[in-house]
N, C-alpha and C. Protein backbone atom coordinates (compact mmCIF):
# COMPACT_ATOMS: atom_id res chain seq x y z
N UNK A 1 0.87 -1.13 0.25
CA UNK A 1 0.01 -0.08 -0.16
C UNK A 1 0.89 1.38 0.11
N UNK A 2 2.14 1.20 0.48
CA UNK A 2 3.02 2.47 0.75
C UNK A 2 4.04 2.55 -0.56
N UNK A 3 4.20 1.26 -1.36
CA UNK A 3 5.12 1.37 -2.13
C UNK A 3 5.26 2.46 -3.17
N UNK A 4 4.21 2.80 -3.77
CA UNK A 4 4.00 3.94 -4.41
C UNK A 4 4.69 5.16 -3.98
N UNK A 5 4.75 5.35 -2.75
CA UNK A 5 5.12 6.59 -1.97
C UNK A 5 6.46 6.31 -2.01
N UNK A 6 7.15 5.38 -2.38
CA UNK A 6 8.41 5.02 -2.07
C UNK A 6 8.95 4.96 -3.47
N UNK A 7 8.36 4.97 -4.87
CA UNK A 7 8.74 5.34 -5.63
C UNK A 7 9.13 3.71 -6.55
N UNK A 8 8.38 2.70 -5.56
CA UNK A 8 8.58 0.99 -6.34
C UNK A 8 7.68 1.14 -7.42
N UNK A 9 7.94 0.20 -8.17
CA UNK A 9 7.22 -0.32 -9.37
C UNK A 9 6.97 -1.94 -8.83
N UNK A 10 5.89 -2.12 -8.89
CA UNK A 10 5.77 -3.78 -8.90
C UNK A 10 5.03 -4.50 -9.96
N UNK A 11 5.50 -5.82 -10.43
CA UNK A 11 4.38 -6.36 -11.25
C UNK A 11 3.87 -7.97 -10.89
N UNK A 12 2.61 -7.84 -10.76
CA UNK A 12 1.91 -9.08 -10.19
C UNK A 12 1.59 -9.89 -11.29
N UNK A 13 1.57 -11.17 -11.35
CA UNK A 13 0.85 -12.30 -12.34
C UNK A 13 0.07 -13.10 -11.71
N UNK A 14 -0.72 -13.38 -11.85
CA UNK A 14 -1.68 -14.31 -11.51
C UNK A 14 -2.46 -15.27 -12.41
N UNK A 15 -2.81 -16.78 -12.32
CA UNK A 15 -3.72 -17.38 -13.46
C UNK A 15 -5.10 -17.47 -12.69
N UNK A 16 -5.50 -16.80 -11.40
CA UNK A 16 -6.40 -16.71 -10.97
C UNK A 16 -6.55 -15.53 -10.21
N UNK A 17 -7.34 -14.44 -10.96
CA UNK A 17 -7.45 -12.94 -10.29
C UNK A 17 -8.49 -13.02 -9.37
N UNK A 18 -9.41 -13.86 -8.98
CA UNK A 18 -10.36 -13.99 -8.16
C UNK A 18 -9.69 -14.28 -6.69
N UNK A 19 -8.53 -14.76 -6.68
CA UNK A 19 -8.23 -15.02 -5.34
C UNK A 19 -7.06 -14.06 -5.06
N UNK A 20 -6.70 -12.83 -6.02
CA UNK A 20 -5.76 -12.04 -5.40
C UNK A 20 -6.41 -11.11 -4.75
N UNK A 21 -5.77 -10.32 -3.47
CA UNK A 21 -6.32 -9.21 -2.60
C UNK A 21 -7.14 -8.09 -3.80
N UNK A 22 -7.78 -7.60 -3.14
CA UNK A 22 -8.43 -6.40 -4.23
C UNK A 22 -7.59 -5.28 -4.34
N UNK A 23 -6.59 -5.26 -3.30
CA UNK A 23 -5.97 -3.87 -3.48
C UNK A 23 -5.19 -3.84 -4.60
N UNK A 24 -4.63 -5.13 -4.80
CA UNK A 24 -3.81 -5.12 -6.10
C UNK A 24 -4.38 -4.50 -7.12
N UNK A 25 -5.31 -5.22 -7.79
CA UNK A 25 -6.17 -4.58 -8.98
C UNK A 25 -6.42 -3.08 -8.88
N UNK A 26 -7.17 -2.89 -7.51
CA UNK A 26 -7.60 -1.59 -7.30
C UNK A 26 -6.45 -0.40 -7.35
N UNK A 27 -5.28 -0.81 -7.25
CA UNK A 27 -3.91 0.29 -7.18
C UNK A 27 -3.20 0.38 -8.53
N UNK A 28 -3.39 -0.77 -9.36
CA UNK A 28 -2.71 -1.05 -10.76
C UNK A 28 -2.77 0.16 -11.51
N UNK A 29 -1.79 0.40 -12.17
CA UNK A 29 -2.05 1.51 -13.32
C UNK A 29 -2.04 0.78 -14.72
N UNK A 30 -2.00 -0.57 -14.76
CA UNK A 30 -1.97 -1.27 -16.19
C UNK A 30 -2.31 -2.58 -15.55
N UNK A 31 -3.61 -2.95 -16.42
CA UNK A 31 -3.97 -4.37 -16.36
C UNK A 31 -3.94 -5.11 -17.71
N UNK A 32 -3.35 -6.27 -17.70
CA UNK A 32 -3.47 -7.17 -18.98
C UNK A 32 -4.27 -8.37 -18.39
N UNK A 33 -5.34 -8.48 -19.35
CA UNK A 33 -6.09 -9.85 -18.82
C UNK A 33 -6.20 -10.56 -19.85
N UNK A 34 -5.47 -12.15 -19.87
CA UNK A 34 -5.86 -12.90 -20.87
C UNK A 34 -7.19 -13.67 -20.62
N UNK A 35 -7.09 -14.95 -21.46
CA UNK A 35 -8.36 -15.80 -21.38
C UNK A 35 -8.62 -16.62 -19.99
N UNK A 36 -9.66 -16.18 -19.63
CA UNK A 36 -10.33 -16.42 -18.40
C UNK A 36 -11.54 -17.13 -18.72
N UNK A 37 -11.88 -18.36 -17.95
CA UNK A 37 -13.07 -19.22 -18.15
C UNK A 37 -14.04 -19.77 -16.57
N UNK A 38 -13.11 -18.99 -15.51
CA UNK A 38 -13.93 -19.43 -14.27
C UNK A 38 -14.79 -18.19 -13.95
N UNK A 39 -16.24 -18.41 -13.57
CA UNK A 39 -16.87 -17.33 -13.44
C UNK A 39 -16.42 -16.73 -12.28
N UNK A 40 -15.83 -16.76 -11.12
CA UNK A 40 -15.51 -16.29 -9.99
C UNK A 40 -14.20 -15.07 -10.54
N UNK A 41 -13.44 -15.45 -11.47
CA UNK A 41 -12.38 -14.71 -12.01
C UNK A 41 -12.97 -13.56 -12.74
N UNK A 42 -13.98 -13.94 -13.66
CA UNK A 42 -14.81 -13.39 -14.59
C UNK A 42 -15.11 -12.17 -13.78
N UNK A 43 -15.75 -12.88 -12.90
CA UNK A 43 -16.80 -11.36 -12.02
C UNK A 43 -15.55 -10.70 -11.30
N UNK A 44 -14.53 -10.91 -11.09
CA UNK A 44 -13.68 -10.01 -10.10
C UNK A 44 -13.21 -8.84 -11.25
N UNK A 45 -12.64 -9.48 -12.17
CA UNK A 45 -12.03 -8.55 -13.01
C UNK A 45 -12.99 -7.65 -13.67
N UNK A 46 -14.38 -7.65 -13.60
CA UNK A 46 -15.40 -7.33 -14.33
C UNK A 46 -15.69 -6.05 -13.49
N UNK A 47 -15.09 -5.92 -12.11
CA UNK A 47 -14.87 -4.49 -11.20
C UNK A 47 -14.00 -3.47 -12.07
N UNK A 48 -12.96 -4.03 -12.66
CA UNK A 48 -12.16 -3.06 -13.49
C UNK A 48 -12.63 -3.00 -14.95
N UNK A 49 -12.88 -3.91 -15.75
CA UNK A 49 -12.86 -3.97 -17.12
C UNK A 49 -14.20 -3.67 -17.61
N UNK A 50 -15.14 -3.85 -16.66
CA UNK A 50 -16.58 -3.75 -17.19
C UNK A 50 -17.29 -4.79 -17.79
N UNK A 51 -18.23 -4.62 -18.57
CA UNK A 51 -18.88 -5.51 -19.36
C UNK A 51 -17.57 -6.12 -20.34
N UNK A 52 -16.57 -5.55 -20.81
CA UNK A 52 -15.80 -6.49 -21.38
C UNK A 52 -15.23 -7.78 -20.63
N UNK A 53 -15.31 -7.96 -19.76
CA UNK A 53 -14.88 -8.85 -18.93
C UNK A 53 -15.31 -10.28 -19.50
N UNK A 54 -16.79 -10.31 -19.95
CA UNK A 54 -17.19 -11.29 -20.73
C UNK A 54 -16.53 -11.80 -21.83
N UNK A 55 -15.87 -10.84 -22.67
CA UNK A 55 -14.85 -11.30 -23.64
C UNK A 55 -13.83 -12.20 -23.16
N UNK A 56 -13.61 -12.33 -22.15
CA UNK A 56 -12.27 -13.06 -21.54
C UNK A 56 -12.44 -14.48 -21.97
N UNK A 57 -13.62 -15.08 -21.73
CA UNK A 57 -13.85 -16.43 -21.96
C UNK A 57 -13.68 -16.74 -23.82
N UNK A 58 -13.75 -15.83 -24.48
CA UNK A 58 -13.35 -16.02 -25.93
C UNK A 58 -12.39 -15.51 -26.42
N UNK A 59 -11.53 -15.04 -25.82
CA UNK A 59 -9.93 -14.28 -26.28
C UNK A 59 -9.24 -15.57 -27.20
N UNK A 60 -8.83 -15.47 -28.34
CA UNK A 60 -7.69 -16.20 -28.98
C UNK A 60 -6.47 -16.29 -28.08
N UNK A 61 -5.63 -16.93 -28.58
CA UNK A 61 -3.87 -17.08 -28.06
C UNK A 61 -3.80 -15.91 -28.24
N UNK A 62 -2.73 -15.71 -26.93
CA UNK A 62 -1.86 -14.13 -27.43
C UNK A 62 -2.71 -13.06 -27.51
N UNK A 63 -3.95 -12.85 -26.89
CA UNK A 63 -4.70 -11.49 -27.18
C UNK A 63 -5.34 -11.39 -25.63
N UNK A 64 -5.00 -10.12 -25.48
CA UNK A 64 -5.36 -9.84 -23.83
C UNK A 64 -6.17 -8.39 -23.97
N UNK A 65 -7.13 -8.10 -22.83
CA UNK A 65 -7.63 -6.77 -22.85
C UNK A 65 -6.64 -5.95 -21.94
N UNK A 66 -6.29 -5.12 -22.17
CA UNK A 66 -5.77 -3.97 -21.38
C UNK A 66 -6.54 -2.58 -20.93
N UNK A 67 -6.14 -2.51 -19.57
CA UNK A 67 -6.93 -1.61 -19.12
C UNK A 67 -5.89 -0.68 -18.48
N UNK A 68 -6.39 0.70 -18.31
CA UNK A 68 -5.64 1.68 -17.74
C UNK A 68 -6.48 2.86 -17.23
N UNK A 69 -6.58 3.28 -16.10
CA UNK A 69 -7.48 4.05 -15.69
C UNK A 69 -7.69 5.31 -16.52
N UNK A 70 -8.69 5.90 -16.76
CA UNK A 70 -8.85 6.69 -17.42
C UNK A 70 -8.88 6.74 -18.79
N UNK A 71 -8.44 5.52 -19.32
CA UNK A 71 -8.63 5.29 -20.92
C UNK A 71 -9.66 4.01 -20.67
N UNK A 72 -9.89 3.82 -22.29
CA UNK A 72 -10.32 3.07 -22.89
C UNK A 72 -10.07 1.40 -22.93
N UNK A 73 -10.64 0.86 -22.31
CA UNK A 73 -10.21 -0.56 -22.39
C UNK A 73 -10.13 -1.22 -23.97
N UNK A 74 -8.79 -1.54 -24.42
CA UNK A 74 -8.56 -1.84 -25.53
C UNK A 74 -8.15 -3.56 -25.60
N UNK A 75 -8.09 -4.40 -26.90
CA UNK A 75 -7.39 -5.65 -27.14
C UNK A 75 -6.36 -5.50 -27.69
N UNK A 76 -5.30 -6.21 -27.15
CA UNK A 76 -4.08 -6.02 -27.80
C UNK A 76 -3.40 -7.47 -27.88
N UNK A 77 -2.47 -7.78 -28.63
CA UNK A 77 -2.08 -9.09 -28.99
C UNK A 77 -0.40 -9.07 -28.93
N UNK A 78 0.15 -10.02 -28.48
CA UNK A 78 1.51 -10.42 -28.31
C UNK A 78 1.71 -11.38 -29.31
N UNK A 79 2.46 -10.72 -30.60
CA UNK A 79 2.74 -11.63 -31.56
C UNK A 79 4.42 -11.59 -31.69
N UNK A 80 4.62 -12.95 -31.38
CA UNK A 80 6.30 -13.06 -31.64
C UNK A 80 6.57 -13.46 -32.81
């Protein structure tokens, strides 16, 4: 909770966002969400992504929804 005051940047990753503490997503400046299929996980990220969270169960490989506070949620891809 105080890391940002000390100019610390942190990266969190999880396969089950529904099991993360709510502070992690609420304080995040950038959220990338890939394919999710568990209802609890989709409901959890819906607080951030809104109705676009329902798209997560049908995202193709290497596709993500990117959220940044104050900006529109967009779809991005990771093409290697």
